[in-house]
PDB file of N, CA and C in Angstrom:
ATOM      1  N   UNK A   1       9.023  -4.036  -3.904  1.00  0.00           N
ATOM      2  CA  UNK A   1       9.757  -4.146  -2.664  1.00  0.00           C
ATOM      3  C   UNK A   1      10.651  -2.923  -2.464  1.00  0.00           C
ATOM      4  N   UNK A   2      11.131  -2.370  -3.573  1.00  0.00           N
ATOM      5  CA  UNK A   2      12.038  -1.225  -3.478  1.00  0.00           C
ATOM      6  C   UNK A   2      11.349  -0.003  -2.875  1.00  0.00           C
ATOM      7  N   UNK A   3      10.077   0.205  -3.222  1.00  0.00           N
ATOM      8  CA  UNK A   3       9.328   1.334  -2.654  1.00  0.00           C
ATOM      9  C   UNK A   3       9.180   1.149  -1.150  1.00  0.00           C
ATOM     10  N   UNK A   4       8.852  -0.062  -0.743  1.00  0.00           N
ATOM     11  CA  UNK A   4       8.713  -0.348   0.687  1.00  0.00           C
ATOM     12  C   UNK A   4      10.025  -0.098   1.423  1.00  0.00           C
ATOM     13  N   UNK A   5      11.120  -0.587   0.885  1.00  0.00           N
ATOM     14  CA  UNK A   5      12.420  -0.373   1.530  1.00  0.00           C
ATOM     15  C   UNK A   5      12.786   1.105   1.601  1.00  0.00           C
ATOM     16  N   UNK A   6      12.504   1.854   0.549  1.00  0.00           N
ATOM     17  CA  UNK A   6      12.840   3.285   0.583  1.00  0.00           C
ATOM     18  C   UNK A   6      11.989   4.026   1.606  1.00  0.00           C
ATOM     19  N   UNK A   7      10.730   3.615   1.768  1.00  0.00           N
ATOM     20  CA  UNK A   7       9.878   4.264   2.770  1.00  0.00           C
ATOM     21  C   UNK A   7      10.322   3.909   4.191  1.00  0.00           C
ATOM     22  N   UNK A   8      10.800   2.701   4.371  1.00  0.00           N
ATOM     23  CA  UNK A   8      11.341   2.319   5.681  1.00  0.00           C
ATOM     24  C   UNK A   8      12.584   3.147   5.981  1.00  0.00           C
ATOM     25  N   UNK A   9      13.443   3.323   4.992  1.00  0.00           N
ATOM     26  CA  UNK A   9      14.672   4.113   5.183  1.00  0.00           C
ATOM     27  C   UNK A   9      14.361   5.564   5.532  1.00  0.00           C
ATOM     28  N   UNK A  10      13.295   6.121   4.946  1.00  0.00           N
ATOM     29  CA  UNK A  10      12.921   7.507   5.253  1.00  0.00           C
ATOM     30  C   UNK A  10      12.551   7.656   6.725  1.00  0.00           C
ATOM     31  N   UNK A  11      11.912   6.639   7.273  1.00  0.00           N
ATOM     32  CA  UNK A  11      11.489   6.709   8.672  1.00  0.00           C
ATOM     33  C   UNK A  11      12.658   6.530   9.626  1.00  0.00           C
ATOM     34  N   UNK A  12      13.523   5.598   9.298  1.00  0.00           N
ATOM     35  CA  UNK A  12      14.656   5.319  10.177  1.00  0.00           C
ATOM     36  C   UNK A  12      15.777   4.676   9.357  1.00  0.00           C
ATOM     37  N   UNK A  13      16.768   5.463   8.966  1.00  0.00           N
ATOM     38  CA  UNK A  13      17.830   4.949   8.088  1.00  0.00           C
ATOM     39  C   UNK A  13      18.565   3.725   8.627  1.00  0.00           C
ATOM     40  N   UNK A  14      18.675   3.582   9.926  1.00  0.00           N
ATOM     41  CA  UNK A  14      19.422   2.449  10.472  1.00  0.00           C
ATOM     42  C   UNK A  14      18.603   1.162  10.512  1.00  0.00           C
ATOM     43  N   UNK A  15      17.281   1.273  10.421  1.00  0.00           N
ATOM     44  CA  UNK A  15      16.427   0.093  10.525  1.00  0.00           C
ATOM     45  C   UNK A  15      16.626  -0.847   9.345  1.00  0.00           C
ATOM     46  N   UNK A  16      16.842  -0.306   8.147  1.00  0.00           N
ATOM     47  CA  UNK A  16      16.958  -1.175   6.979  1.00  0.00           C
ATOM     48  C   UNK A  16      18.153  -2.117   7.075  1.00  0.00           C
ATOM     49  N   UNK A  17      19.109  -1.792   7.915  1.00  0.00           N
ATOM     50  CA  UNK A  17      20.236  -2.695   8.120  1.00  0.00           C
ATOM     51  C   UNK A  17      19.806  -3.950   8.866  1.00  0.00           C
ATOM     52  N   UNK A  18      18.718  -3.847   9.611  1.00  0.00           N
ATOM     53  CA  UNK A  18      18.238  -4.965  10.418  1.00  0.00           C
ATOM     54  C   UNK A  18      17.189  -5.807   9.696  1.00  0.00           C
ATOM     55  N   UNK A  19      16.630  -5.291   8.599  1.00  0.00           N
ATOM     56  CA  UNK A  19      15.535  -5.968   7.917  1.00  0.00           C
ATOM     57  C   UNK A  19      16.031  -6.548   6.600  1.00  0.00           C
ATOM     58  N   UNK A  20      15.863  -7.837   6.458  1.00  0.00           N
ATOM     59  CA  UNK A  20      16.243  -8.526   5.235  1.00  0.00           C
ATOM     60  C   UNK A  20      15.104  -8.406   4.220  1.00  0.00           C
ATOM     61  N   UNK A  21      15.416  -8.127   2.968  1.00  0.00           N
ATOM     62  CA  UNK A  21      14.367  -7.948   1.961  1.00  0.00           C
ATOM     63  C   UNK A  21      13.548  -9.221   1.760  1.00  0.00           C
ATOM     64  N   UNK A  22      14.145 -10.387   1.956  1.00  0.00           N
ATOM     65  CA  UNK A  22      13.372 -11.633   1.824  1.00  0.00           C
ATOM     66  C   UNK A  22      12.322 -11.732   2.929  1.00  0.00           C
ATOM     67  N   UNK A  23      12.620 -11.189   4.096  1.00  0.00           N
ATOM     68  CA  UNK A  23      11.643 -11.142   5.190  1.00  0.00           C
ATOM     69  C   UNK A  23      10.453 -10.268   4.791  1.00  0.00           C
ATOM     70  N   UNK A  24      10.729  -9.105   4.214  1.00  0.00           N
ATOM     71  CA  UNK A  24       9.652  -8.218   3.770  1.00  0.00           C
ATOM     72  C   UNK A  24       8.822  -8.861   2.667  1.00  0.00           C
ATOM     73  N   UNK A  25       9.466  -9.598   1.777  1.00  0.00           N
ATOM     74  CA  UNK A  25       8.737 -10.296   0.717  1.00  0.00           C
ATOM     75  C   UNK A  25       7.792 -11.337   1.298  1.00  0.00           C
ATOM     76  N   UNK A  26       8.234 -12.045   2.330  1.00  0.00           N
ATOM     77  CA  UNK A  26       7.371 -13.037   2.979  1.00  0.00           C
ATOM     78  C   UNK A  26       6.170 -12.367   3.634  1.00  0.00           C
ATOM     79  N   UNK A  27       6.394 -11.227   4.268  1.00  0.00           N
ATOM     80  CA  UNK A  27       5.290 -10.494   4.888  1.00  0.00           C
ATOM     81  C   UNK A  27       4.303 -10.026   3.822  1.00  0.00           C
ATOM     82  N   UNK A  28       4.809  -9.447   2.749  1.00  0.00           N
ATOM     83  CA  UNK A  28       3.945  -8.963   1.669  1.00  0.00           C
ATOM     84  C   UNK A  28       3.148 -10.114   1.057  1.00  0.00           C
ATOM     85  N   UNK A  29       3.781 -11.245   0.845  1.00  0.00           N
ATOM     86  CA  UNK A  29       3.084 -12.413   0.300  1.00  0.00           C
ATOM     87  C   UNK A  29       2.004 -12.910   1.252  1.00  0.00           C
ATOM     88  N   UNK A  30       2.299 -12.901   2.543  1.00  0.00           N
ATOM     89  CA  UNK A  30       1.314 -13.338   3.535  1.00  0.00           C
ATOM     90  C   UNK A  30       0.094 -12.428   3.546  1.00  0.00           C
ATOM     91  N   UNK A  31       0.324 -11.118   3.483  1.00  0.00           N
ATOM     92  CA  UNK A  31      -0.793 -10.169   3.407  1.00  0.00           C
ATOM     93  C   UNK A  31      -1.620 -10.414   2.149  1.00  0.00           C
ATOM     94  N   UNK A  32      -0.954 -10.597   1.018  1.00  0.00           N
ATOM     95  CA  UNK A  32      -1.664 -10.813  -0.246  1.00  0.00           C
ATOM     96  C   UNK A  32      -2.534 -12.065  -0.169  1.00  0.00           C
ATOM     97  N   UNK A  33      -1.998 -13.140   0.375  1.00  0.00           N
ATOM     98  CA  UNK A  33      -2.774 -14.382   0.501  1.00  0.00           C
ATOM     99  C   UNK A  33      -3.950 -14.202   1.453  1.00  0.00           C
ATOM    100  N   UNK A  34      -3.719 -13.535   2.572  1.00  0.00           N
ATOM    101  CA  UNK A  34      -4.791 -13.321   3.543  1.00  0.00           C
ATOM    102  C   UNK A  34      -5.938 -12.538   2.920  1.00  0.00           C
ATOM    103  N   UNK A  35      -5.623 -11.412   2.290  1.00  0.00           N
ATOM    104  CA  UNK A  35      -6.677 -10.556   1.759  1.00  0.00           C
ATOM    105  C   UNK A  35      -7.301 -11.106   0.480  1.00  0.00           C
ATOM    106  N   UNK A  36      -6.640 -12.036  -0.186  1.00  0.00           N
ATOM    107  CA  UNK A  36      -7.236 -12.682  -1.350  1.00  0.00           C
ATOM    108  C   UNK A  36      -8.502 -13.433  -0.944  1.00  0.00           C
ATOM    109  N   UNK A  37      -8.470 -14.053   0.226  1.00  0.00           N
ATOM    110  CA  UNK A  37      -9.599 -14.845   0.702  1.00  0.00           C
ATOM    111  C   UNK A  37     -10.483 -14.101   1.702  1.00  0.00           C
ATOM    112  N   UNK A  38     -10.117 -12.912   2.089  1.00  0.00           N
ATOM    113  CA  UNK A  38     -10.836 -12.160   3.126  1.00  0.00           C
ATOM    114  C   UNK A  38     -12.219 -11.740   2.642  1.00  0.00           C
ATOM    115  N   UNK A  39     -13.252 -12.011   3.472  1.00  0.00           N
ATOM    116  CA  UNK A  39     -14.620 -11.627   3.147  1.00  0.00           C
ATOM    117  C   UNK A  39     -15.350 -11.065   4.357  1.00  0.00           C
ATOM    118  N   UNK A  40     -14.630 -10.685   5.409  1.00  0.00           N
ATOM    119  CA  UNK A  40     -15.243 -10.262   6.659  1.00  0.00           C
ATOM    120  C   UNK A  40     -15.855  -8.873   6.641  1.00  0.00           C
ATOM    121  N   UNK A  41     -15.497  -8.063   5.669  1.00  0.00           N
ATOM    122  CA  UNK A  41     -16.011  -6.692   5.578  1.00  0.00           C
ATOM    123  C   UNK A  41     -15.653  -6.151   4.194  1.00  0.00           C
ATOM    124  N   UNK A  42     -16.177  -4.978   3.848  1.00  0.00           N
ATOM    125  CA  UNK A  42     -15.729  -4.367   2.591  1.00  0.00           C
ATOM    126  C   UNK A  42     -14.211  -4.182   2.626  1.00  0.00           C
ATOM    127  N   UNK A  43     -13.592  -4.317   1.476  1.00  0.00           N
ATOM    128  CA  UNK A  43     -12.129  -4.289   1.418  1.00  0.00           C
ATOM    129  C   UNK A  43     -11.664  -3.460   0.224  1.00  0.00           C
ATOM    130  N   UNK A  44     -10.757  -2.557   0.475  1.00  0.00           N
ATOM    131  CA  UNK A  44     -10.104  -1.800  -0.584  1.00  0.00           C
ATOM    132  C   UNK A  44      -8.634  -2.202  -0.603  1.00  0.00           C
ATOM    133  N   UNK A  45      -8.221  -2.870  -1.653  1.00  0.00           N
ATOM    134  CA  UNK A  45      -6.836  -3.278  -1.827  1.00  0.00           C
ATOM    135  C   UNK A  45      -6.129  -2.162  -2.585  1.00  0.00           C
ATOM    136  N   UNK A  46      -5.093  -1.599  -1.976  1.00  0.00           N
ATOM    137  CA  UNK A  46      -4.420  -0.425  -2.535  1.00  0.00           C
ATOM    138  C   UNK A  46      -3.012  -0.788  -2.991  1.00  0.00           C
ATOM    139  N   UNK A  47      -2.722  -0.511  -4.249  1.00  0.00           N
ATOM    140  CA  UNK A  47      -1.353  -0.607  -4.742  1.00  0.00           C
ATOM    141  C   UNK A  47      -0.708   0.745  -4.441  1.00  0.00           C
ATOM    142  N   UNK A  48       0.122   0.791  -3.422  1.00  0.00           N
ATOM    143  CA  UNK A  48       0.710   2.055  -2.957  1.00  0.00           C
ATOM    144  C   UNK A  48       2.066   2.343  -3.594  1.00  0.00           C
ATOM    145  N   UNK A  49       2.428   1.580  -4.609  1.00  0.00           N
ATOM    146  CA  UNK A  49       3.733   1.785  -5.237  1.00  0.00           C
ATOM    147  C   UNK A  49       3.838   3.152  -5.904  1.00  0.00           C
ATOM    148  N   UNK A  50       2.732   3.637  -6.477  1.00  0.00           N
ATOM    149  CA  UNK A  50       2.771   4.898  -7.215  1.00  0.00           C
ATOM    150  C   UNK A  50       2.100   6.058  -6.500  1.00  0.00           C
ATOM    151  N   UNK A  51       1.690   5.851  -5.262  1.00  0.00           N
ATOM    152  CA  UNK A  51       1.070   6.946  -4.514  1.00  0.00           C
ATOM    153  C   UNK A  51       1.771   7.119  -3.177  1.00  0.00           C
ATOM    154  N   UNK A  52       1.661   8.310  -2.641  1.00  0.00           N
ATOM    155  CA  UNK A  52       2.230   8.619  -1.330  1.00  0.00           C
ATOM    156  C   UNK A  52       1.239   9.505  -0.579  1.00  0.00           C
ATOM    157  N   UNK A  53       0.177   8.901  -0.021  1.00  0.00           N
ATOM    158  CA  UNK A  53      -0.856   9.699   0.645  1.00  0.00           C
ATOM    159  C   UNK A  53      -0.383  10.375   1.926  1.00  0.00           C
ATOM    160  N   UNK A  54       0.753  10.005   2.437  1.00  0.00           N
ATOM    161  CA  UNK A  54       1.292  10.640   3.640  1.00  0.00           C
ATOM    162  C   UNK A  54       1.893  12.001   3.305  1.00  0.00           C
ATOM    163  N   UNK A  55       2.621  12.077   2.201  1.00  0.00           N
ATOM    164  CA  UNK A  55       3.332  13.307   1.849  1.00  0.00           C
ATOM    165  C   UNK A  55       2.709  14.081   0.690  1.00  0.00           C
ATOM    166  N   UNK A  56       1.681  13.524   0.054  1.00  0.00           N
ATOM    167  CA  UNK A  56       1.070  14.169  -1.104  1.00  0.00           C
ATOM    168  C   UNK A  56      -0.438  14.288  -0.874  1.00  0.00           C
ATOM    169  N   UNK A  57      -0.913  15.505  -0.668  1.00  0.00           N
ATOM    170  CA  UNK A  57      -2.332  15.728  -0.371  1.00  0.00           C
ATOM    171  C   UNK A  57      -3.245  15.284  -1.505  1.00  0.00           C
ATOM    172  N   UNK A  58      -2.823  15.448  -2.743  1.00  0.00           N
ATOM    173  CA  UNK A  58      -3.647  15.002  -3.874  1.00  0.00           C
ATOM    174  C   UNK A  58      -3.826  13.489  -3.858  1.00  0.00           C
ATOM    175  N   UNK A  59      -2.770  12.776  -3.547  1.00  0.00           N
ATOM    176  CA  UNK A  59      -2.854  11.321  -3.456  1.00  0.00           C
ATOM    177  C   UNK A  59      -3.768  10.916  -2.307  1.00  0.00           C
ATOM    178  N   UNK A  60      -3.663  11.616  -1.190  1.00  0.00           N
ATOM    179  CA  UNK A  60      -4.540  11.332  -0.049  1.00  0.00           C
ATOM    180  C   UNK A  60      -5.997  11.518  -0.443  1.00  0.00           C
ATOM    181  N   UNK A  61      -6.302  12.614  -1.118  1.00  0.00           N
ATOM    182  CA  UNK A  61      -7.681  12.897  -1.527  1.00  0.00           C
ATOM    183  C   UNK A  61      -8.202  11.839  -2.498  1.00  0.00           C
ATOM    184  N   UNK A  62      -7.359  11.397  -3.444  1.00  0.00           N
ATOM    185  CA  UNK A  62      -7.768  10.335  -4.369  1.00  0.00           C
ATOM    186  C   UNK A  62      -8.110   9.056  -3.616  1.00  0.00           C
ATOM    187  N   UNK A  63      -7.252   8.683  -2.687  1.00  0.00           N
ATOM    188  CA  UNK A  63      -7.456   7.464  -1.919  1.00  0.00           C
ATOM    189  C   UNK A  63      -8.682   7.578  -1.026  1.00  0.00           C
ATOM    190  N   UNK A  64      -8.838   8.714  -0.365  1.00  0.00           N
ATOM    191  CA  UNK A  64      -9.982   8.926   0.519  1.00  0.00           C
ATOM    192  C   UNK A  64     -11.285   8.895  -0.273  1.00  0.00           C
ATOM    193  N   UNK A  65     -11.295   9.504  -1.443  1.00  0.00           N
ATOM    194  CA  UNK A  65     -12.474   9.501  -2.306  1.00  0.00           C
ATOM    195  C   UNK A  65     -12.837   8.077  -2.717  1.00  0.00           C
ATOM    196  N   UNK A  66     -11.839   7.301  -3.068  1.00  0.00           N
ATOM    197  CA  UNK A  66     -12.069   5.904  -3.438  1.00  0.00           C
ATOM    198  C   UNK A  66     -12.606   5.111  -2.251  1.00  0.00           C
ATOM    199  N   UNK A  67     -12.053   5.339  -1.091  1.00  0.00           N
ATOM    200  CA  UNK A  67     -12.461   4.632   0.119  1.00  0.00           C
ATOM    201  C   UNK A  67     -13.918   4.904   0.470  1.00  0.00           C
ATOM    202  N   UNK A  68     -14.367   6.129   0.258  1.00  0.00           N
ATOM    203  CA  UNK A  68     -15.757   6.479   0.563  1.00  0.00           C
ATOM    204  C   UNK A  68     -16.742   5.704  -0.308  1.00  0.00           C
ATOM    205  N   UNK A  69     -16.311   5.249  -1.467  1.00  0.00           N
ATOM    206  CA  UNK A  69     -17.195   4.519  -2.374  1.00  0.00           C
ATOM    207  C   UNK A  69     -17.269   3.024  -2.086  1.00  0.00           C
ATOM    208  N   UNK A  70     -16.435   2.538  -1.199  1.00  0.00           N
ATOM    209  CA  UNK A  70     -16.414   1.106  -0.888  1.00  0.00           C
ATOM    210  C   UNK A  70     -17.498   0.807   0.144  1.00  0.00           C
ATOM    211  N   UNK A  71     -18.534   0.120  -0.300  1.00  0.00           N
ATOM    212  CA  UNK A  71     -19.655  -0.208   0.591  1.00  0.00           C
ATOM    213  C   UNK A  71     -19.741  -1.708   0.863  1.00  0.00           C
ATOM    214  N   UNK A  72     -19.324  -2.514  -0.099  1.00  0.00           N
ATOM    215  CA  UNK A  72     -19.380  -3.962   0.047  1.00  0.00           C
ATOM    216  C   UNK A  72     -18.383  -4.591  -0.916  1.00  0.00           C
ATOM    217  N   UNK A  73     -18.031  -5.829  -0.653  1.00  0.00           N
ATOM    218  CA  UNK A  73     -17.162  -6.563  -1.561  1.00  0.00           C
ATOM    219  C   UNK A  73     -15.712  -6.122  -1.530  1.00  0.00           C
ATOM    220  N   UNK A  74     -15.004  -6.563  -2.550  1.00  0.00           N
ATOM    221  CA  UNK A  74     -13.570  -6.295  -2.672  1.00  0.00           C
ATOM    222  C   UNK A  74     -13.348  -5.339  -3.839  1.00  0.00           C
ATOM    223  N   UNK A  75     -12.577  -4.296  -3.591  1.00  0.00           N
ATOM    224  CA  UNK A  75     -12.281  -3.289  -4.605  1.00  0.00           C
ATOM    225  C   UNK A  75     -10.770  -3.096  -4.682  1.00  0.00           C
ATOM    226  N   UNK A  76     -10.311  -2.617  -5.837  1.00  0.00           N
ATOM    227  CA  UNK A  76      -8.880  -2.445  -6.054  1.00  0.00           C
ATOM    228  C   UNK A  76      -8.594  -1.014  -6.478  1.00  0.00           C
ATOM    229  N   UNK A  77      -7.583  -0.417  -5.864  1.00  0.00           N
ATOM    230  CA  UNK A  77      -7.151   0.934  -6.214  1.00  0.00           C
ATOM    231  C   UNK A  77      -5.718   0.836  -6.704  1.00  0.00           C
ATOM    232  N   UNK A  78      -5.541   1.080  -7.995  1.00  0.00           N
ATOM    233  CA  UNK A  78      -4.229   0.971  -8.617  1.00  0.00           C
ATOM    234  C   UNK A  78      -4.054   2.172  -9.529  1.00  0.00           C
ATOM    235  N   UNK A  79      -3.791   3.324  -8.953  1.00  0.00           N
ATOM    236  CA  UNK A  79      -3.763   4.563  -9.709  1.00  0.00           C
ATOM    237  C   UNK A  79      -2.367   4.849 -10.246  1.00  0.00           C
ATOM    238  N   UNK A  80      -2.087   4.361 -11.430  1.00  0.00           N
ATOM    239  CA  UNK A  80      -0.778   4.622 -12.028  1.00  0.00           C
ATOM    240  C   UNK A  80      -0.658   6.062 -12.507  1.00  0.00           C
ATOM    241  N   UNK A  81      -1.785   6.745 -12.719  1.00  0.00           N
ATOM    242  CA  UNK A  81      -1.731   8.155 -13.126  1.00  0.00           C
ATOM    243  C   UNK A  81      -1.082   9.012 -12.046  1.00  0.00           C
ATOM    244  N   UNK A  82      -1.186   8.583 -10.794  1.00  0.00           N
ATOM    245  CA  UNK A  82      -0.592   9.340  -9.687  1.00  0.00           C
ATOM    246  C   UNK A  82       0.927   9.390  -9.799  1.00  0.00           C
ATOM    247  N   UNK A  83       1.506   8.442 -10.490  1.00  0.00           N
ATOM    248  CA  UNK A  83       2.964   8.423 -10.645  1.00  0.00           C
ATOM    249  C   UNK A  83       3.460   9.629 -11.431  1.00  0.00           C
ATOM    250  N   UNK A  84       2.570  10.236 -12.198  1.00  0.00           N
ATOM    251  CA  UNK A  84       2.960  11.368 -13.026  1.00  0.00           C
ATOM    252  C   UNK A  84       2.587  12.703 -12.415  1.00  0.00           C
ATOM    253  N   UNK A  85       2.016  12.693 -11.215  1.00  0.00           N
ATOM    254  CA  UNK A  85       1.622  13.960 -10.572  1.00  0.00           C
ATOM    255  C   UNK A  85       2.656  14.406  -9.559  1.00  0.00           C
TER     256      UNK A  85
END
């Protein structure tokens, strides 16, 4: 949750005053439950805690490369090695 809050603050420092962290937790939980059962198309579940594809080109390339390999089913991208780059 802390990564999400810090990214929100980067976009608009005053917005975090309006958003309660418990609200964000409910949203995150709802997304997790939805995609746990989702079967409508190929799905790549990304743990974005250790990557920043917006500001880091290497992270973007890793994610894009992984995305190109998703043809069917559910896949998970959890690149903890990116935390050290």
